Amino acid sequence: RFYADGTAAGSETSVLSAGVSGIKVSMVFNGSG
């Protein structure tokens, strides 16, 4: 996450183990997450 001014809001978090390099990711905000 990054604040509106571009500064980091926290450290990176590993959230999913995809098991392979070079994957493609897509993401949306749903109102609560």
ModelCIF file with pLDDT and N, C-alpha, C, O atoms, coordinates in Angstrom:
data_MODEL
#
_entry.id   MODEL 
#
_entity.id                         1 
_entity.type                       polymer 
_entity.pdbx_number_of_molecules   1 
#
_entity_poly.entity_id                      1 
_entity_poly.type                           'polypeptide(L)' 
_entity_poly.nstd_linkage                   no 
_entity_poly.nstd_monomer                   no 
_entity_poly.pdbx_seq_one_letter_code       RFYADGTAAGSETSVLSAGVSGIKVSMVFNGSG 
_entity_poly.pdbx_seq_one_letter_code_can   RFYADGTAAGSETSVLSAGVSGIKVSMVFNGSG 
_entity_poly.pdbx_strand_id                 A 
#
loop_
_entity_poly_seq.entity_id 
_entity_poly_seq.num 
_entity_poly_seq.mon_id 
_entity_poly_seq.hetero 
1 1  ARG n 
1 2  PHE n 
1 3  TYR n 
1 4  ALA n 
1 5  ASP n 
1 6  GLY n 
1 7  THR n 
1 8  ALA n 
1 9  ALA n 
1 10 GLY n 
1 11 SER n 
1 12 GLU n 
1 13 THR n 
1 14 SER n 
1 15 VAL n 
1 16 LEU n 
1 17 SER n 
1 18 ALA n 
1 19 GLY n 
1 20 VAL n 
1 21 SER n 
1 22 GLY n 
1 23 ILE n 
1 24 LYS n 
1 25 VAL n 
1 26 SER n 
1 27 MET n 
1 28 VAL n 
1 29 PHE n 
1 30 ASN n 
1 31 GLY n 
1 32 SER n 
1 33 GLY n 
#
_struct_asym.id          A 
_struct_asym.entity_id   1 
#
loop_
_ma_qa_metric.id 
_ma_qa_metric.mode 
_ma_qa_metric.name 
_ma_qa_metric.software_group_id 
_ma_qa_metric.type 
1 global pLDDT . pLDDT 
2 local  pLDDT . pLDDT 
#
_ma_qa_metric_global.metric_id      1 
_ma_qa_metric_global.metric_value   84.76 
_ma_qa_metric_global.model_id       1 
_ma_qa_metric_global.ordinal_id     1 
#
loop_
_ma_qa_metric_local.label_asym_id 
_ma_qa_metric_local.label_comp_id 
_ma_qa_metric_local.label_seq_id 
_ma_qa_metric_local.metric_id 
_ma_qa_metric_local.metric_value 
_ma_qa_metric_local.model_id 
_ma_qa_metric_local.ordinal_id 
A ARG 1  2 92.00 1 1  
A PHE 2  2 90.00 1 2  
A TYR 3  2 89.00 1 3  
A ALA 4  2 86.00 1 4  
A ASP 5  2 83.00 1 5  
A GLY 6  2 82.00 1 6  
A THR 7  2 84.00 1 7  
A ALA 8  2 86.00 1 8  
A ALA 9  2 88.00 1 9  
A GLY 10 2 83.00 1 10 
A SER 11 2 86.00 1 11 
A GLU 12 2 86.00 1 12 
A THR 13 2 87.00 1 13 
A SER 14 2 87.00 1 14 
A VAL 15 2 84.00 1 15 
A LEU 16 2 81.00 1 16 
A SER 17 2 77.00 1 17 
A ALA 18 2 65.00 1 18 
A GLY 19 2 66.00 1 19 
A VAL 20 2 67.00 1 20 
A SER 21 2 64.00 1 21 
A GLY 22 2 65.00 1 22 
A ILE 23 2 80.00 1 23 
A LYS 24 2 88.00 1 24 
A VAL 25 2 90.00 1 25 
A SER 26 2 93.00 1 26 
A MET 27 2 96.00 1 27 
A VAL 28 2 97.00 1 28 
A PHE 29 2 97.00 1 29 
A ASN 30 2 95.00 1 30 
A GLY 31 2 94.00 1 31 
A SER 32 2 94.00 1 32 
A GLY 33 2 95.00 1 33 
#
loop_
_atom_site.group_PDB 
_atom_site.id 
_atom_site.type_symbol 
_atom_site.label_atom_id 
_atom_site.label_alt_id 
_atom_site.label_comp_id 
_atom_site.label_asym_id 
_atom_site.label_entity_id 
_atom_site.label_seq_id 
_atom_site.pdbx_PDB_ins_code 
_atom_site.Cartn_x 
_atom_site.Cartn_y 
_atom_site.Cartn_z 
_atom_site.occupancy 
_atom_site.B_iso_or_equiv 
_atom_site.pdbx_formal_charge 
_atom_site.auth_seq_id 
_atom_site.auth_comp_id 
_atom_site.auth_asym_id 
_atom_site.auth_atom_id 
_atom_site.pdbx_PDB_model_num 
ATOM 1   N N  . ARG A 1 1  ? 0.836   -1.209  0.000   1.00 92.00 ? 1  ARG A N  1 
ATOM 2   C CA . ARG A 1 1  ? 0.000   0.000   0.000   1.00 92.00 ? 1  ARG A CA 1 
ATOM 3   C C  . ARG A 1 1  ? 0.863   1.249   0.000   1.00 92.00 ? 1  ARG A C  1 
ATOM 4   O O  . ARG A 1 1  ? 1.973   1.262   0.533   1.00 92.00 ? 1  ARG A O  1 
ATOM 5   N N  . PHE A 1 2  ? 0.315   2.321   -0.625  1.00 90.00 ? 2  PHE A N  1 
ATOM 6   C CA . PHE A 1 2  ? 0.978   3.621   -0.658  1.00 90.00 ? 2  PHE A CA 1 
ATOM 7   C C  . PHE A 1 2  ? -0.049  4.701   -0.361  1.00 90.00 ? 2  PHE A C  1 
ATOM 8   O O  . PHE A 1 2  ? -1.180  4.646   -0.844  1.00 90.00 ? 2  PHE A O  1 
ATOM 9   N N  . TYR A 1 3  ? 0.353   5.689   0.442   1.00 89.00 ? 3  TYR A N  1 
ATOM 10  C CA . TYR A 1 3  ? -0.522  6.830   0.705   1.00 89.00 ? 3  TYR A CA 1 
ATOM 11  C C  . TYR A 1 3  ? -0.690  7.663   -0.563  1.00 89.00 ? 3  TYR A C  1 
ATOM 12  O O  . TYR A 1 3  ? 0.027   7.474   -1.546  1.00 89.00 ? 3  TYR A O  1 
ATOM 13  N N  . ALA A 1 4  ? -1.632  8.572   -0.525  1.00 86.00 ? 4  ALA A N  1 
ATOM 14  C CA . ALA A 1 4  ? -1.943  9.403   -1.694  1.00 86.00 ? 4  ALA A CA 1 
ATOM 15  C C  . ALA A 1 4  ? -0.735  10.200  -2.168  1.00 86.00 ? 4  ALA A C  1 
ATOM 16  O O  . ALA A 1 4  ? -0.630  10.500  -3.357  1.00 86.00 ? 4  ALA A O  1 
ATOM 17  N N  . ASP A 1 5  ? 0.179   10.549  -1.267  1.00 83.00 ? 5  ASP A N  1 
ATOM 18  C CA . ASP A 1 5  ? 1.355   11.320  -1.674  1.00 83.00 ? 5  ASP A CA 1 
ATOM 19  C C  . ASP A 1 5  ? 2.482   10.438  -2.208  1.00 83.00 ? 5  ASP A C  1 
ATOM 20  O O  . ASP A 1 5  ? 3.544   10.942  -2.572  1.00 83.00 ? 5  ASP A O  1 
ATOM 21  N N  . GLY A 1 6  ? 2.255   9.119   -2.256  1.00 82.00 ? 6  GLY A N  1 
ATOM 22  C CA . GLY A 1 6  ? 3.244   8.200   -2.808  1.00 82.00 ? 6  GLY A CA 1 
ATOM 23  C C  . GLY A 1 6  ? 4.149   7.532   -1.795  1.00 82.00 ? 6  GLY A C  1 
ATOM 24  O O  . GLY A 1 6  ? 4.911   6.637   -2.161  1.00 82.00 ? 6  GLY A O  1 
ATOM 25  N N  . THR A 1 7  ? 4.095   7.936   -0.530  1.00 84.00 ? 7  THR A N  1 
ATOM 26  C CA . THR A 1 7  ? 4.939   7.286   0.472   1.00 84.00 ? 7  THR A CA 1 
ATOM 27  C C  . THR A 1 7  ? 4.331   5.951   0.884   1.00 84.00 ? 7  THR A C  1 
ATOM 28  O O  . THR A 1 7  ? 3.112   5.779   0.877   1.00 84.00 ? 7  THR A O  1 
ATOM 29  N N  . ALA A 1 8  ? 5.190   5.020   1.238   1.00 86.00 ? 8  ALA A N  1 
ATOM 30  C CA . ALA A 1 8  ? 4.741   3.667   1.580   1.00 86.00 ? 8  ALA A CA 1 
ATOM 31  C C  . ALA A 1 8  ? 3.881   3.674   2.832   1.00 86.00 ? 8  ALA A C  1 
ATOM 32  O O  . ALA A 1 8  ? 4.208   4.343   3.813   1.00 86.00 ? 8  ALA A O  1 
ATOM 33  N N  . ALA A 1 9  ? 2.788   2.933   2.799   1.00 88.00 ? 9  ALA A N  1 
ATOM 34  C CA . ALA A 1 9  ? 1.896   2.821   3.946   1.00 88.00 ? 9  ALA A CA 1 
ATOM 35  C C  . ALA A 1 9  ? 2.212   1.576   4.765   1.00 88.00 ? 9  ALA A C  1 
ATOM 36  O O  . ALA A 1 9  ? 1.599   1.345   5.807   1.00 88.00 ? 9  ALA A O  1 
ATOM 37  N N  . GLY A 1 10 ? 3.141   0.796   4.312   1.00 83.00 ? 10 GLY A N  1 
ATOM 38  C CA . GLY A 1 10 ? 3.535   -0.411  5.019   1.00 83.00 ? 10 GLY A CA 1 
ATOM 39  C C  . GLY A 1 10 ? 4.515   -1.193  4.172   1.00 83.00 ? 10 GLY A C  1 
ATOM 40  O O  . GLY A 1 10 ? 4.813   -0.811  3.041   1.00 83.00 ? 10 GLY A O  1 
ATOM 41  N N  . SER A 1 11 ? 5.011   -2.278  4.713   1.00 86.00 ? 11 SER A N  1 
ATOM 42  C CA . SER A 1 11 ? 5.961   -3.099  3.966   1.00 86.00 ? 11 SER A CA 1 
ATOM 43  C C  . SER A 1 11 ? 5.199   -4.056  3.051   1.00 86.00 ? 11 SER A C  1 
ATOM 44  O O  . SER A 1 11 ? 3.994   -4.258  3.197   1.00 86.00 ? 11 SER A O  1 
ATOM 45  N N  . GLU A 1 12 ? 5.931   -4.637  2.109   1.00 86.00 ? 12 GLU A N  1 
ATOM 46  C CA . GLU A 1 12 ? 5.288   -5.585  1.204   1.00 86.00 ? 12 GLU A CA 1 
ATOM 47  C C  . GLU A 1 12 ? 4.880   -6.836  1.969   1.00 86.00 ? 12 GLU A C  1 
ATOM 48  O O  . GLU A 1 12 ? 5.507   -7.215  2.958   1.00 86.00 ? 12 GLU A O  1 
ATOM 49  N N  . THR A 1 13 ? 3.809   -7.471  1.486   1.00 87.00 ? 13 THR A N  1 
ATOM 50  C CA . THR A 1 13 ? 3.290   -8.670  2.113   1.00 87.00 ? 13 THR A CA 1 
ATOM 51  C C  . THR A 1 13 ? 3.140   -9.747  1.048   1.00 87.00 ? 13 THR A C  1 
ATOM 52  O O  . THR A 1 13 ? 2.530   -9.503  0.007   1.00 87.00 ? 13 THR A O  1 
ATOM 53  N N  . SER A 1 14 ? 3.683   -10.927 1.291   1.00 87.00 ? 14 SER A N  1 
ATOM 54  C CA . SER A 1 14 ? 3.463   -12.049 0.389   1.00 87.00 ? 14 SER A CA 1 
ATOM 55  C C  . SER A 1 14 ? 2.079   -12.605 0.684   1.00 87.00 ? 14 SER A C  1 
ATOM 56  O O  . SER A 1 14 ? 1.802   -13.059 1.794   1.00 87.00 ? 14 SER A O  1 
ATOM 57  N N  . VAL A 1 15 ? 1.224   -12.562 -0.311  1.00 84.00 ? 15 VAL A N  1 
ATOM 58  C CA . VAL A 1 15 ? -0.166  -12.948 -0.055  1.00 84.00 ? 15 VAL A CA 1 
ATOM 59  C C  . VAL A 1 15 ? -0.568  -14.246 -0.728  1.00 84.00 ? 15 VAL A C  1 
ATOM 60  O O  . VAL A 1 15 ? -1.467  -14.934 -0.244  1.00 84.00 ? 15 VAL A O  1 
ATOM 61  N N  . LEU A 1 16 ? 0.074   -14.597 -1.833  1.00 81.00 ? 16 LEU A N  1 
ATOM 62  C CA . LEU A 1 16 ? -0.312  -15.806 -2.558  1.00 81.00 ? 16 LEU A CA 1 
ATOM 63  C C  . LEU A 1 16 ? 0.936   -16.509 -3.065  1.00 81.00 ? 16 LEU A C  1 
ATOM 64  O O  . LEU A 1 16 ? 1.866   -15.862 -3.547  1.00 81.00 ? 16 LEU A O  1 
ATOM 65  N N  . SER A 1 17 ? 0.957   -17.816 -2.957  1.00 77.00 ? 17 SER A N  1 
ATOM 66  C CA . SER A 1 17 ? 2.055   -18.578 -3.527  1.00 77.00 ? 17 SER A CA 1 
ATOM 67  C C  . SER A 1 17 ? 1.602   -19.114 -4.875  1.00 77.00 ? 17 SER A C  1 
ATOM 68  O O  . SER A 1 17 ? 0.790   -20.035 -4.953  1.00 77.00 ? 17 SER A O  1 
ATOM 69  N N  . ALA A 1 18 ? 2.141   -18.520 -5.938  1.00 65.00 ? 18 ALA A N  1 
ATOM 70  C CA . ALA A 1 18 ? 1.739   -18.904 -7.283  1.00 65.00 ? 18 ALA A CA 1 
ATOM 71  C C  . ALA A 1 18 ? 2.550   -20.076 -7.808  1.00 65.00 ? 18 ALA A C  1 
ATOM 72  O O  . ALA A 1 18 ? 2.087   -20.819 -8.674  1.00 65.00 ? 18 ALA A O  1 
ATOM 73  N N  . GLY A 1 19 ? 3.753   -20.242 -7.288  1.00 66.00 ? 19 GLY A N  1 
ATOM 74  C CA . GLY A 1 19 ? 4.566   -21.387 -7.653  1.00 66.00 ? 19 GLY A CA 1 
ATOM 75  C C  . GLY A 1 19 ? 5.342   -21.244 -8.949  1.00 66.00 ? 19 GLY A C  1 
ATOM 76  O O  . GLY A 1 19 ? 6.001   -22.195 -9.368  1.00 66.00 ? 19 GLY A O  1 
ATOM 77  N N  . VAL A 1 20 ? 5.288   -20.095 -9.596  1.00 67.00 ? 20 VAL A N  1 
ATOM 78  C CA . VAL A 1 20 ? 6.019   -19.935 -10.847 1.00 67.00 ? 20 VAL A CA 1 
ATOM 79  C C  . VAL A 1 20 ? 6.276   -18.458 -11.095 1.00 67.00 ? 20 VAL A C  1 
ATOM 80  O O  . VAL A 1 20 ? 5.443   -17.613 -10.770 1.00 67.00 ? 20 VAL A O  1 
ATOM 81  N N  . SER A 1 21 ? 7.426   -18.151 -11.669 1.00 64.00 ? 21 SER A N  1 
ATOM 82  C CA . SER A 1 21 ? 7.743   -16.761 -11.994 1.00 64.00 ? 21 SER A CA 1 
ATOM 83  C C  . SER A 1 21 ? 7.070   -16.364 -13.299 1.00 64.00 ? 21 SER A C  1 
ATOM 84  O O  . SER A 1 21 ? 6.713   -17.212 -14.117 1.00 64.00 ? 21 SER A O  1 
ATOM 85  N N  . GLY A 1 22 ? 6.906   -15.069 -13.474 1.00 65.00 ? 22 GLY A N  1 
ATOM 86  C CA . GLY A 1 22 ? 6.366   -14.548 -14.729 1.00 65.00 ? 22 GLY A CA 1 
ATOM 87  C C  . GLY A 1 22 ? 4.858   -14.563 -14.823 1.00 65.00 ? 22 GLY A C  1 
ATOM 88  O O  . GLY A 1 22 ? 4.307   -14.499 -15.922 1.00 65.00 ? 22 GLY A O  1 
ATOM 89  N N  . ILE A 1 23 ? 4.185   -14.645 -13.699 1.00 80.00 ? 23 ILE A N  1 
ATOM 90  C CA . ILE A 1 23 ? 2.727   -14.700 -13.732 1.00 80.00 ? 23 ILE A CA 1 
ATOM 91  C C  . ILE A 1 23 ? 2.133   -13.324 -14.001 1.00 80.00 ? 23 ILE A C  1 
ATOM 92  O O  . ILE A 1 23 ? 2.794   -12.300 -13.829 1.00 80.00 ? 23 ILE A O  1 
ATOM 93  N N  . LYS A 1 24 ? 0.876   -13.320 -14.424 1.00 88.00 ? 24 LYS A N  1 
ATOM 94  C CA . LYS A 1 24 ? 0.144   -12.087 -14.671 1.00 88.00 ? 24 LYS A CA 1 
ATOM 95  C C  . LYS A 1 24 ? -0.889  -11.904 -13.576 1.00 88.00 ? 24 LYS A C  1 
ATOM 96  O O  . LYS A 1 24 ? -1.559  -12.861 -13.188 1.00 88.00 ? 24 LYS A O  1 
ATOM 97  N N  . VAL A 1 25 ? -1.024  -10.681 -13.072 1.00 90.00 ? 25 VAL A N  1 
ATOM 98  C CA . VAL A 1 25 ? -1.914  -10.386 -11.950 1.00 90.00 ? 25 VAL A CA 1 
ATOM 99  C C  . VAL A 1 25 ? -2.881  -9.291  -12.362 1.00 90.00 ? 25 VAL A C  1 
ATOM 100 O O  . VAL A 1 25 ? -2.519  -8.380  -13.107 1.00 90.00 ? 25 VAL A O  1 
ATOM 101 N N  . SER A 1 26 ? -4.123  -9.383  -11.872 1.00 93.00 ? 26 SER A N  1 
ATOM 102 C CA . SER A 1 26 ? -5.113  -8.316  -12.035 1.00 93.00 ? 26 SER A CA 1 
ATOM 103 C C  . SER A 1 26 ? -5.781  -8.119  -10.682 1.00 93.00 ? 26 SER A C  1 
ATOM 104 O O  . SER A 1 26 ? -5.961  -9.081  -9.935  1.00 93.00 ? 26 SER A O  1 
ATOM 105 N N  . MET A 1 27 ? -6.153  -6.874  -10.357 1.00 96.00 ? 27 MET A N  1 
ATOM 106 C CA . MET A 1 27 ? -6.705  -6.575  -9.037  1.00 96.00 ? 27 MET A CA 1 
ATOM 107 C C  . MET A 1 27 ? -7.747  -5.472  -9.144  1.00 96.00 ? 27 MET A C  1 
ATOM 108 O O  . MET A 1 27 ? -7.631  -4.579  -9.983  1.00 96.00 ? 27 MET A O  1 
ATOM 109 N N  . VAL A 1 28 ? -8.775  -5.538  -8.282  1.00 97.00 ? 28 VAL A N  1 
ATOM 110 C CA . VAL A 1 28 ? -9.786  -4.481  -8.177  1.00 97.00 ? 28 VAL A CA 1 
ATOM 111 C C  . VAL A 1 28 ? -10.070 -4.208  -6.706  1.00 97.00 ? 28 VAL A C  1 
ATOM 112 O O  . VAL A 1 28 ? -9.850  -5.062  -5.847  1.00 97.00 ? 28 VAL A O  1 
ATOM 113 N N  . PHE A 1 29 ? -10.564 -3.005  -6.430  1.00 97.00 ? 29 PHE A N  1 
ATOM 114 C CA . PHE A 1 29 ? -11.039 -2.654  -5.091  1.00 97.00 ? 29 PHE A CA 1 
ATOM 115 C C  . PHE A 1 29 ? -12.538 -2.928  -5.062  1.00 97.00 ? 29 PHE A C  1 
ATOM 116 O O  . PHE A 1 29 ? -13.262 -2.543  -5.981  1.00 97.00 ? 29 PHE A O  1 
ATOM 117 N N  . ASN A 1 30 ? -13.007 -3.599  -3.999  1.00 95.00 ? 30 ASN A N  1 
ATOM 118 C CA . ASN A 1 30 ? -14.411 -3.987  -3.932  1.00 95.00 ? 30 ASN A CA 1 
ATOM 119 C C  . ASN A 1 30 ? -15.217 -3.199  -2.901  1.00 95.00 ? 30 ASN A C  1 
ATOM 120 O O  . ASN A 1 30 ? -16.352 -3.572  -2.604  1.00 95.00 ? 30 ASN A O  1 
ATOM 121 N N  . GLY A 1 31 ? -14.671 -2.143  -2.360  1.00 94.00 ? 31 GLY A N  1 
ATOM 122 C CA . GLY A 1 31 ? -15.366 -1.340  -1.363  1.00 94.00 ? 31 GLY A CA 1 
ATOM 123 C C  . GLY A 1 31 ? -14.906 -1.612  0.052   1.00 94.00 ? 31 GLY A C  1 
ATOM 124 O O  . GLY A 1 31 ? -14.983 -0.728  0.906   1.00 94.00 ? 31 GLY A O  1 
ATOM 125 N N  . SER A 1 32 ? -14.424 -2.829  0.324   1.00 94.00 ? 32 SER A N  1 
ATOM 126 C CA . SER A 1 32 ? -13.943 -3.157  1.667   1.00 94.00 ? 32 SER A CA 1 
ATOM 127 C C  . SER A 1 32 ? -12.618 -3.910  1.644   1.00 94.00 ? 32 SER A C  1 
ATOM 128 O O  . SER A 1 32 ? -12.050 -4.203  2.696   1.00 94.00 ? 32 SER A O  1 
ATOM 129 N N  . GLY A 1 33 ? -12.136 -4.216  0.472   1.00 95.00 ? 33 GLY A N  1 
ATOM 130 C CA . GLY A 1 33 ? -10.886 -4.949  0.302   1.00 95.00 ? 33 GLY A CA 1 
ATOM 131 C C  . GLY A 1 33 ? -10.589 -5.062  -1.179  1.00 95.00 ? 33 GLY A C  1 
ATOM 132 O O  . GLY A 1 33 ? -9.575  -5.646  -1.562  1.00 95.00 ? 33 GLY A O  1 
#
